[in-house]
Amino acid sequence: MSVATARRDLEALSAAGIPVYPQPGRGGGWSLVGGARTDLTGLSATEAQALFLLVGPAAAVSEEARAALRKLVRALPQTFRADAEAAASATMIDPTRWGERDRRRPEIVDLLQAAVVRRRKVLLTYSSSARERTERLVDPWGLVDKDDIWYLLAGTDRGQRTFRVDRIVGAEPTEQPADRPDDFTLAGAWQQVVGEVEQRRSRTWATVLVEARFVPVLRNHFGRHCHTDAELDDGRARVRLGAPTPLDIARHLAGWGAMIEVVEPRSVQAELARIGAELTGRYTGTPRP
């Protein structure tokens, strides 16, 4: 490689943001800026921005996270720092819906996270959906926050189990080493859990007729379990809706009144008729306002 070629390449690196600079005179040459000699110099400028766009909002969780973020910024090459700091403060995540109270992360999450990182067993006191309390010694494998509900994926004597953190009444960390399969990945395990739950959430399907303009509203209620089969000539759409039970579908549709016609199954029609009869019995004779 010629000197001219090397100089051209180094100048291109400098223009791209790599902190190199020329040193003229005897014994000179090209050098890296001192601050660039860190473990993060393998990051490109765009990679650094992507990293700080991701971790910036998360740093609001605790002072420790904010301190770690500041250290990461200082570890970057000088030429990357301004953009990284801007990226870290460019996004804020507010998980609270309009009109809701502030959502707070359960304090027990910190204890469980520490157990996952340290790979130590935890003695859980758990309340089931039937409010029955049991004690279980588990191997904590990972935590997932889905729609502001925290879940603990853990190993038990009966295999992998998923625990809702808001049903964990007590958690006592131990010094017993936790076991975890060598091929375990949290993302893969959670994807399997999601698939199983979504399958249970769509055990019952109903076919309904509704004005096409209301299909987006149904989609908001039923999510992935709402499928449009056809657009009809009268402006209505034939839609398939899924839920765990006929009663779940009926409860969602009862407030629509005659705007939705349930074609099938009979079980959903029967639940709607029962709900309608109960409401009629309760409010018949009530004077109008």
Protein backbone atom coordinates (compact mmCIF):
# COMPACT_ATOMS: atom_id res chain seq x y z
CA MET A 1 0.00 0.00 0.00
CA SER A 2 1.36 3.41 -0.94
CA VAL A 3 1.64 6.34 1.45
CA ALA A 4 -0.93 8.26 -0.58
CA THR A 5 -3.42 5.39 -0.34
CA ALA A 6 -2.91 5.05 3.40
CA ARG A 7 -3.35 8.81 3.88
CA ARG A 8 -6.53 8.79 1.80
CA ASP A 9 -8.00 5.89 3.80
CA LEU A 10 -7.12 7.50 7.13
CA GLU A 11 -8.67 10.80 6.06
CA ALA A 12 -11.83 8.91 5.07
CA LEU A 13 -11.93 7.27 8.50
CA SER A 14 -11.58 10.65 10.17
CA ALA A 15 -14.38 12.11 8.04
CA ALA A 16 -16.59 9.17 9.02
CA GLY A 17 -16.18 9.99 12.71
CA ILE A 18 -13.36 7.63 13.65
CA PRO A 19 -11.19 9.63 16.09
CA VAL A 20 -7.85 9.47 14.25
CA TYR A 21 -5.59 12.46 13.70
CA PRO A 22 -2.24 13.15 11.99
CA GLN A 23 0.94 13.95 13.92
CA PRO A 24 3.42 15.85 11.76
CA GLY A 25 7.18 15.88 12.14
CA ARG A 26 9.82 13.31 12.89
CA GLY A 27 8.31 10.21 14.49
CA GLY A 28 4.83 11.41 13.56
CA GLY A 29 2.06 9.57 11.77
CA TRP A 30 -1.55 8.89 12.60
CA SER A 31 -2.91 8.21 16.08
CA LEU A 32 -6.18 7.47 17.81
CA VAL A 33 -7.61 10.04 20.19
CA GLY A 34 -6.89 8.82 23.72
CA GLY A 35 -10.54 8.61 24.66
CA ALA A 36 -11.07 6.16 21.85
CA ARG A 37 -9.05 3.45 23.53
CA THR A 38 -12.01 1.81 25.26
CA ASP A 39 -14.02 -1.37 25.07
CA LEU A 40 -16.70 0.45 23.05
CA THR A 41 -14.54 1.60 20.13
CA GLY A 42 -15.86 -1.27 18.03
CA LEU A 43 -19.18 0.60 17.77
CA SER A 44 -19.89 2.69 14.72
CA ALA A 45 -21.61 6.05 15.08
CA THR A 46 -24.98 4.64 13.97
CA GLU A 47 -24.59 1.63 16.29
CA ALA A 48 -23.87 3.93 19.22
CA GLN A 49 -26.97 6.00 18.46
CA ALA A 50 -29.11 2.85 18.18
CA LEU A 51 -27.76 1.60 21.52
CA PHE A 52 -28.52 4.83 23.36
CA LEU A 53 -31.96 5.19 21.77
CA LEU A 54 -32.70 1.81 23.31
CA VAL A 55 -31.14 2.18 26.76
CA GLY A 56 -31.90 5.87 27.27
CA PRO A 57 -35.58 5.47 28.25
CA ALA A 58 -34.75 2.43 30.41
CA ALA A 59 -32.22 4.46 32.41
CA ALA A 60 -35.07 6.36 34.08
CA VAL A 61 -35.80 3.28 36.20
CA SER A 62 -33.12 3.92 38.82
CA GLU A 63 -30.16 6.10 39.75
CA GLU A 64 -27.87 3.12 39.18
CA ALA A 65 -29.11 2.85 35.60
CA ARG A 66 -28.57 6.57 35.03
CA ALA A 67 -25.04 6.33 36.43
CA ALA A 68 -24.31 3.38 34.16
CA LEU A 69 -25.59 5.35 31.17
CA ARG A 70 -23.29 8.26 31.98
CA LYS A 71 -20.33 5.88 32.16
CA LEU A 72 -21.24 4.40 28.80
CA VAL A 73 -21.29 7.88 27.28
CA ARG A 74 -17.85 8.63 28.71
CA ALA A 75 -16.55 5.34 27.33
CA LEU A 76 -17.46 6.34 23.78
CA PRO A 77 -15.05 8.12 21.46
CA GLN A 78 -15.32 11.88 21.89
CA THR A 79 -16.75 12.33 18.40
CA PHE A 80 -19.70 10.04 19.20
CA ARG A 81 -20.67 11.45 22.58
CA ALA A 82 -22.87 14.37 21.58
CA ASP A 83 -25.06 12.24 19.32
CA ALA A 84 -25.19 9.45 21.92
CA GLU A 85 -26.34 11.85 24.65
CA ALA A 86 -28.95 13.30 22.29
CA ALA A 87 -30.18 9.80 21.43
CA ALA A 88 -30.41 8.83 25.10
CA SER A 89 -32.73 11.77 25.82
CA ALA A 90 -34.68 11.61 22.55
CA THR A 91 -37.31 9.13 23.70
CA MET A 92 -39.46 8.80 26.79
CA ILE A 93 -41.74 5.86 27.53
CA ASP A 94 -44.93 6.56 29.48
CA PRO A 95 -46.79 3.23 29.85
CA THR A 96 -49.76 4.80 31.64
CA ARG A 97 -52.95 5.10 29.63
CA TRP A 98 -54.96 8.32 29.71
CA GLY A 99 -56.97 8.50 32.90
CA GLU A 100 -55.01 5.71 34.59
CA ARG A 101 -53.06 5.93 37.78
CA ASP A 102 -49.29 5.83 37.55
CA ARG A 103 -48.03 2.34 36.89
CA ARG A 104 -45.31 1.23 39.24
CA ARG A 105 -43.05 -1.73 38.80
CA PRO A 106 -43.57 -4.26 41.63
CA GLU A 107 -40.77 -3.98 44.17
CA ILE A 108 -40.34 -7.75 44.18
CA VAL A 109 -39.09 -7.57 40.58
CA ASP A 110 -35.72 -6.29 41.79
CA LEU A 111 -35.31 -9.27 44.12
CA LEU A 112 -36.26 -11.71 41.37
CA GLN A 113 -33.93 -10.04 38.86
CA ALA A 114 -31.06 -10.37 41.30
CA ALA A 115 -31.83 -14.06 41.74
CA VAL A 116 -31.87 -14.57 37.97
CA VAL A 117 -28.53 -12.82 37.53
CA ARG A 118 -26.91 -14.62 40.48
CA ARG A 119 -28.51 -17.92 39.50
CA ARG A 120 -29.88 -18.67 42.94
CA LYS A 121 -33.05 -20.57 43.84
CA VAL A 122 -35.98 -18.62 45.30
CA LEU A 123 -38.66 -19.84 47.70
CA LEU A 124 -41.95 -18.45 46.43
CA THR A 125 -45.25 -18.09 48.24
CA TYR A 126 -47.70 -18.05 45.36
CA SER A 127 -51.43 -17.38 45.22
CA SER A 128 -53.23 -19.16 42.40
CA SER A 129 -56.18 -17.74 40.47
CA ALA A 130 -58.37 -19.63 42.96
CA ARG A 131 -56.54 -17.80 45.80
CA GLU A 132 -54.90 -20.96 47.07
CA ARG A 133 -51.44 -20.32 48.51
CA THR A 134 -48.54 -22.69 47.99
CA GLU A 135 -44.80 -22.59 48.62
CA ARG A 136 -42.48 -23.55 45.80
CA LEU A 137 -38.70 -23.66 45.51
CA VAL A 138 -37.97 -22.54 41.95
CA ASP A 139 -35.04 -21.90 39.65
CA PRO A 140 -35.61 -18.36 38.30
CA TRP A 141 -34.76 -18.20 34.60
CA GLY A 142 -36.01 -14.80 33.49
CA LEU A 143 -38.59 -12.02 33.82
CA VAL A 144 -40.93 -10.61 31.19
CA ASP A 145 -42.96 -7.40 31.30
CA LYS A 146 -45.96 -7.78 28.98
CA ASP A 147 -48.54 -5.01 28.88
CA ASP A 148 -47.45 -3.87 32.36
CA ILE A 149 -47.92 -7.35 33.85
CA TRP A 150 -44.72 -9.03 35.02
CA TYR A 151 -44.13 -12.75 34.64
CA LEU A 152 -41.43 -15.00 36.06
CA LEU A 153 -40.29 -17.95 33.98
CA ALA A 154 -38.81 -20.55 36.27
CA GLY A 155 -37.88 -24.18 36.55
CA THR A 156 -39.75 -26.36 39.04
CA ASP A 157 -39.86 -30.04 39.92
CA ARG A 158 -42.61 -30.29 37.29
CA GLY A 159 -40.69 -28.51 34.56
CA GLN A 160 -40.91 -24.95 33.29
CA ARG A 161 -43.65 -22.81 34.80
CA THR A 162 -44.80 -19.22 34.33
CA PHE A 163 -45.75 -17.20 37.43
CA ARG A 164 -47.56 -13.86 37.48
CA VAL A 165 -45.47 -11.60 39.68
CA ASP A 166 -48.55 -9.86 41.09
CA ARG A 167 -49.62 -13.22 42.55
CA ILE A 168 -46.30 -13.79 44.29
CA VAL A 169 -47.13 -13.08 47.93
CA GLY A 170 -43.57 -13.59 49.16
CA ALA A 171 -40.15 -14.41 47.75
CA GLU A 172 -37.15 -15.52 49.79
CA PRO A 173 -33.81 -15.77 48.00
CA THR A 174 -31.57 -18.68 48.91
CA GLU A 175 -27.92 -19.47 48.37
CA GLN A 176 -28.71 -22.71 46.55
CA PRO A 177 -27.44 -22.62 42.95
CA ALA A 178 -30.24 -22.53 40.41
CA ASP A 179 -30.34 -24.99 37.52
CA ARG A 180 -31.02 -23.78 34.00
CA PRO A 181 -30.95 -25.76 30.74
CA ASP A 182 -27.90 -25.02 28.62
CA ASP A 183 -30.06 -24.33 25.57
CA PHE A 184 -32.49 -22.02 27.39
CA THR A 185 -33.14 -18.58 25.92
CA LEU A 186 -35.66 -16.24 27.48
CA ALA A 187 -36.92 -15.02 24.12
CA GLY A 188 -37.51 -18.55 22.85
CA ALA A 189 -39.18 -19.74 26.05
CA TRP A 190 -41.45 -16.70 26.18
CA GLN A 191 -42.45 -17.13 22.55
CA GLN A 192 -43.62 -20.64 23.40
CA VAL A 193 -45.61 -19.31 26.37
CA VAL A 194 -47.25 -16.67 24.19
CA GLY A 195 -48.21 -19.28 21.61
CA GLU A 196 -49.83 -21.51 24.23
CA VAL A 197 -51.72 -18.64 25.86
CA GLU A 198 -52.99 -17.26 22.56
CA GLN A 199 -54.20 -20.72 21.60
CA ARG A 200 -56.21 -20.92 24.83
CA ARG A 201 -57.55 -17.42 24.23
CA SER A 202 -59.15 -18.51 20.96
CA ARG A 203 -60.80 -21.81 21.82
CA THR A 204 -64.21 -20.45 20.79
CA TRP A 205 -64.86 -18.76 17.45
CA ALA A 206 -67.92 -16.83 16.35
CA THR A 207 -68.97 -15.52 12.96
CA VAL A 208 -70.63 -12.10 13.07
CA LEU A 209 -72.00 -9.52 10.65
CA VAL A 210 -71.20 -5.87 11.34
CA GLU A 211 -70.91 -2.64 9.40
CA ALA A 212 -67.47 -2.58 7.81
CA ARG A 213 -66.63 0.74 9.44
CA PHE A 214 -66.80 -0.91 12.88
CA VAL A 215 -64.31 -3.68 12.09
CA PRO A 216 -61.33 -1.63 13.44
CA VAL A 217 -63.17 -1.30 16.76
CA LEU A 218 -63.61 -5.07 16.95
CA ARG A 219 -59.96 -5.51 16.06
CA ASN A 220 -58.99 -3.32 19.02
CA HIS A 221 -61.04 -5.56 21.33
CA PHE A 222 -60.07 -8.96 19.94
CA GLY A 223 -56.59 -8.25 18.58
CA ARG A 224 -55.11 -11.09 16.56
CA HIS A 225 -58.32 -13.08 17.07
CA CYS A 226 -60.31 -10.88 14.71
CA HIS A 227 -60.36 -11.84 11.02
CA THR A 228 -62.45 -10.35 8.23
CA ASP A 229 -63.79 -13.13 6.00
CA ALA A 230 -65.60 -11.03 3.42
CA GLU A 231 -67.02 -7.61 2.56
CA LEU A 232 -70.73 -7.87 1.72
CA ASP A 233 -72.73 -5.85 -0.80
CA ASP A 234 -74.89 -4.27 1.92
CA GLY A 235 -71.87 -2.53 3.51
CA ARG A 236 -71.42 -5.10 6.23
CA ALA A 237 -68.47 -7.40 6.81
CA ARG A 238 -68.44 -11.02 7.86
CA VAL A 239 -65.93 -11.30 10.69
CA ARG A 240 -64.53 -14.18 12.72
CA LEU A 241 -63.92 -13.49 16.42
CA GLY A 242 -62.04 -15.70 18.87
CA ALA A 243 -62.07 -15.85 22.68
CA PRO A 244 -61.62 -18.45 25.44
CA THR A 245 -65.35 -19.17 25.92
CA PRO A 246 -68.73 -18.30 24.39
CA LEU A 247 -69.43 -16.12 27.43
CA ASP A 248 -66.28 -14.06 26.78
CA ILE A 249 -67.41 -13.31 23.24
CA ALA A 250 -70.94 -12.50 24.39
CA ARG A 251 -69.69 -10.09 27.05
CA HIS A 252 -67.69 -8.19 24.43
CA LEU A 253 -70.63 -8.02 22.03
CA ALA A 254 -73.53 -7.38 24.42
CA GLY A 255 -72.99 -3.64 24.43
CA TRP A 256 -73.27 -3.48 20.66
CA GLY A 257 -76.97 -4.30 20.76
CA ALA A 258 -78.45 -4.89 17.30
CA MET A 259 -75.43 -3.40 15.51
CA ILE A 260 -73.84 -6.86 15.44
CA GLU A 261 -75.53 -10.05 14.30
CA VAL A 262 -74.04 -13.31 15.54
CA VAL A 263 -74.40 -15.89 12.77
CA GLU A 264 -72.86 -18.76 14.73
CA PRO A 265 -72.35 -20.62 17.03
CA ARG A 266 -75.52 -21.20 18.97
CA SER A 267 -73.60 -21.12 22.25
CA VAL A 268 -72.69 -17.44 21.77
CA GLN A 269 -76.23 -16.60 20.68
CA ALA A 270 -77.55 -18.29 23.81
CA GLU A 271 -75.20 -16.34 26.08
CA LEU A 272 -76.28 -13.07 24.46
CA ALA A 273 -79.94 -14.00 24.92
CA ARG A 274 -79.31 -14.81 28.58
CA ILE A 275 -77.49 -11.50 29.17
CA GLY A 276 -80.30 -9.63 27.40
CA ALA A 277 -82.95 -11.38 29.51
CA GLU A 278 -81.09 -10.54 32.71
CA LEU A 279 -80.84 -6.87 31.74
CA THR A 280 -84.49 -6.76 30.72
CA GLY A 281 -85.53 -8.32 34.01
CA ARG A 282 -83.41 -5.92 36.00
CA TYR A 283 -84.41 -2.69 34.26
CA THR A 284 -87.94 -3.27 32.96
CA GLY A 285 -90.16 -0.57 34.39
CA THR A 286 -87.27 1.76 35.16
CA PRO A 287 -88.40 5.29 34.21
CA ARG A 288 -86.43 6.96 31.45
CA PRO A 289 -84.36 9.99 32.48
